[in-house]
Amino acid sequence: MPVRNLMEEIVGKVLKEMVAAQPELEKLDPIHRDDMMAIALNKLPPRYTTTTRGEVIVKSQIRAQLESDVYRELSEAYKIVANSPR
């Protein structure tokens, strides 16, 4: 298994949850959603793994510990993207 930053997957999942829950986010095009992910990922610590076992461990730890951080960073990213469209 190659080296992977699991934070990318987790931020993507949380972003999908936010889009489903907040109608104003549904209006964003994929480019703006990618911008939100990039902004949030630049502020969050990476979580790398190389094995399936490590992936399971990291995901369980991250979900419990960092979910609120991911929501916060994506919310801040949305403010930036909404105020500075390309």
C-alpha atoms as a PDB file:
ATOM      1  CA  MET A   1       0.000   0.000   0.000  1.00  0.00           C
ATOM      2  CA  PRO A   2       1.451   3.415  -0.898  1.00  0.00           C
ATOM      3  CA  VAL A   3       1.848   6.229   1.612  1.00  0.00           C
ATOM      4  CA  ARG A   4      -1.471   8.062   2.023  1.00  0.00           C
ATOM      5  CA  ASN A   5      -2.566  11.160   3.885  1.00  0.00           C
ATOM      6  CA  LEU A   6      -5.845  10.019   5.420  1.00  0.00           C
ATOM      7  CA  MET A   7      -6.750  13.565   6.389  1.00  0.00           C
ATOM      8  CA  GLU A   8      -7.656  14.176   2.717  1.00  0.00           C
ATOM      9  CA  GLU A   9     -10.259  11.409   2.805  1.00  0.00           C
ATOM     10  CA  ILE A  10     -11.637  12.532   6.160  1.00  0.00           C
ATOM     11  CA  VAL A  11     -11.921  16.175   5.098  1.00  0.00           C
ATOM     12  CA  GLY A  12     -13.679  15.040   1.910  1.00  0.00           C
ATOM     13  CA  LYS A  13     -16.212  13.004   3.892  1.00  0.00           C
ATOM     14  CA  VAL A  14     -16.885  15.818   6.339  1.00  0.00           C
ATOM     15  CA  LEU A  15     -17.309  18.247   3.442  1.00  0.00           C
ATOM     16  CA  LYS A  16     -19.910  15.929   1.878  1.00  0.00           C
ATOM     17  CA  GLU A  17     -21.751  15.809   5.214  1.00  0.00           C
ATOM     18  CA  MET A  18     -21.688  19.592   5.429  1.00  0.00           C
ATOM     19  CA  VAL A  19     -22.985  19.984   1.864  1.00  0.00           C
ATOM     20  CA  ALA A  20     -25.860  17.615   2.623  1.00  0.00           C
ATOM     21  CA  ALA A  21     -26.755  19.528   5.788  1.00  0.00           C
ATOM     22  CA  GLN A  22     -26.294  23.105   4.539  1.00  0.00           C
ATOM     23  CA  PRO A  23     -28.182  24.159   1.391  1.00  0.00           C
ATOM     24  CA  GLU A  24     -25.901  27.140   0.709  1.00  0.00           C
ATOM     25  CA  LEU A  25     -22.964  24.754   0.245  1.00  0.00           C
ATOM     26  CA  GLU A  26     -24.863  22.775  -2.390  1.00  0.00           C
ATOM     27  CA  LYS A  27     -24.670  25.847  -4.636  1.00  0.00           C
ATOM     28  CA  LEU A  28     -20.860  25.765  -4.707  1.00  0.00           C
ATOM     29  CA  ASP A  29     -19.307  24.306  -7.802  1.00  0.00           C
ATOM     30  CA  PRO A  30     -16.682  21.542  -7.522  1.00  0.00           C
ATOM     31  CA  ILE A  31     -13.818  24.015  -7.959  1.00  0.00           C
ATOM     32  CA  HIS A  32     -14.910  25.975  -4.895  1.00  0.00           C
ATOM     33  CA  ARG A  33     -15.351  22.790  -2.881  1.00  0.00           C
ATOM     34  CA  ASP A  34     -11.826  21.768  -3.865  1.00  0.00           C
ATOM     35  CA  ASP A  35     -10.624  25.205  -2.735  1.00  0.00           C
ATOM     36  CA  MET A  36     -12.323  24.666   0.624  1.00  0.00           C
ATOM     37  CA  MET A  37     -10.639  21.291   1.003  1.00  0.00           C
ATOM     38  CA  ALA A  38      -7.224  22.730   0.126  1.00  0.00           C
ATOM     39  CA  ILE A  39      -7.583  25.610   2.599  1.00  0.00           C
ATOM     40  CA  ALA A  40      -8.701  23.277   5.390  1.00  0.00           C
ATOM     41  CA  LEU A  41      -6.018  20.664   4.658  1.00  0.00           C
ATOM     42  CA  ASN A  42      -3.309  23.321   4.803  1.00  0.00           C
ATOM     43  CA  LYS A  43      -4.375  24.143   8.362  1.00  0.00           C
ATOM     44  CA  LEU A  44      -4.898  20.578   9.613  1.00  0.00           C
ATOM     45  CA  PRO A  45      -2.124  18.152  10.574  1.00  0.00           C
ATOM     46  CA  PRO A  46      -1.516  15.344   8.069  1.00  0.00           C
ATOM     47  CA  ARG A  47      -2.129  11.749   9.105  1.00  0.00           C
ATOM     48  CA  TYR A  48      -0.066   9.339   7.032  1.00  0.00           C
ATOM     49  CA  THR A  49      -0.353   5.580   6.847  1.00  0.00           C
ATOM     50  CA  THR A  50       1.115   2.781   4.751  1.00  0.00           C
ATOM     51  CA  THR A  51      -0.975  -0.207   5.831  1.00  0.00           C
ATOM     52  CA  THR A  52      -4.646  -1.101   6.050  1.00  0.00           C
ATOM     53  CA  ARG A  53      -4.285  -1.743   9.779  1.00  0.00           C
ATOM     54  CA  GLY A  54      -2.717   1.675  10.264  1.00  0.00           C
ATOM     55  CA  GLU A  55      -5.537   3.230   8.226  1.00  0.00           C
ATOM     56  CA  VAL A  56      -8.172   1.739  10.522  1.00  0.00           C
ATOM     57  CA  ILE A  57      -6.343   2.913  13.636  1.00  0.00           C
ATOM     58  CA  VAL A  58      -5.750   6.423  12.334  1.00  0.00           C
ATOM     59  CA  LYS A  59      -9.330   6.829  11.093  1.00  0.00           C
ATOM     60  CA  SER A  60     -10.795   5.831  14.443  1.00  0.00           C
ATOM     61  CA  GLN A  61      -8.488   8.224  16.290  1.00  0.00           C
ATOM     62  CA  ILE A  62      -9.028  11.098  13.889  1.00  0.00           C
ATOM     63  CA  ARG A  63     -12.784  10.782  13.783  1.00  0.00           C
ATOM     64  CA  ALA A  64     -12.988  10.967  17.554  1.00  0.00           C
ATOM     65  CA  GLN A  65     -10.305  13.613  18.146  1.00  0.00           C
ATOM     66  CA  LEU A  66     -10.253  15.905  15.151  1.00  0.00           C
ATOM     67  CA  GLU A  67     -13.780  15.938  13.731  1.00  0.00           C
ATOM     68  CA  SER A  68     -14.608  19.278  15.340  1.00  0.00           C
ATOM     69  CA  ASP A  69     -11.316  20.705  14.031  1.00  0.00           C
ATOM     70  CA  VAL A  70     -12.179  19.557  10.511  1.00  0.00           C
ATOM     71  CA  TYR A  71     -15.654  21.133  10.714  1.00  0.00           C
ATOM     72  CA  ARG A  72     -14.164  24.373  12.032  1.00  0.00           C
ATOM     73  CA  GLU A  73     -11.520  24.587   9.312  1.00  0.00           C
ATOM     74  CA  LEU A  74     -14.024  23.795   6.563  1.00  0.00           C
ATOM     75  CA  SER A  75     -16.379  26.470   7.927  1.00  0.00           C
ATOM     76  CA  GLU A  76     -13.546  28.993   7.885  1.00  0.00           C
ATOM     77  CA  ALA A  77     -12.601  27.870   4.385  1.00  0.00           C
ATOM     78  CA  TYR A  78     -16.180  28.415   3.251  1.00  0.00           C
ATOM     79  CA  LYS A  79     -16.041  32.011   4.497  1.00  0.00           C
ATOM     80  CA  ILE A  80     -12.832  32.585   2.542  1.00  0.00           C
ATOM     81  CA  VAL A  81     -14.182  31.012  -0.651  1.00  0.00           C
ATOM     82  CA  ALA A  82     -17.543  32.777  -0.383  1.00  0.00           C
ATOM     83  CA  ASN A  83     -15.830  36.169   0.054  1.00  0.00           C
ATOM     84  CA  SER A  84     -13.159  35.623  -2.612  1.00  0.00           C
ATOM     85  CA  PRO A  85     -14.583  33.743  -5.593  1.00  0.00           C
ATOM     86  CA  ARG A  86     -12.126  33.073  -8.388  1.00  0.00           C
END
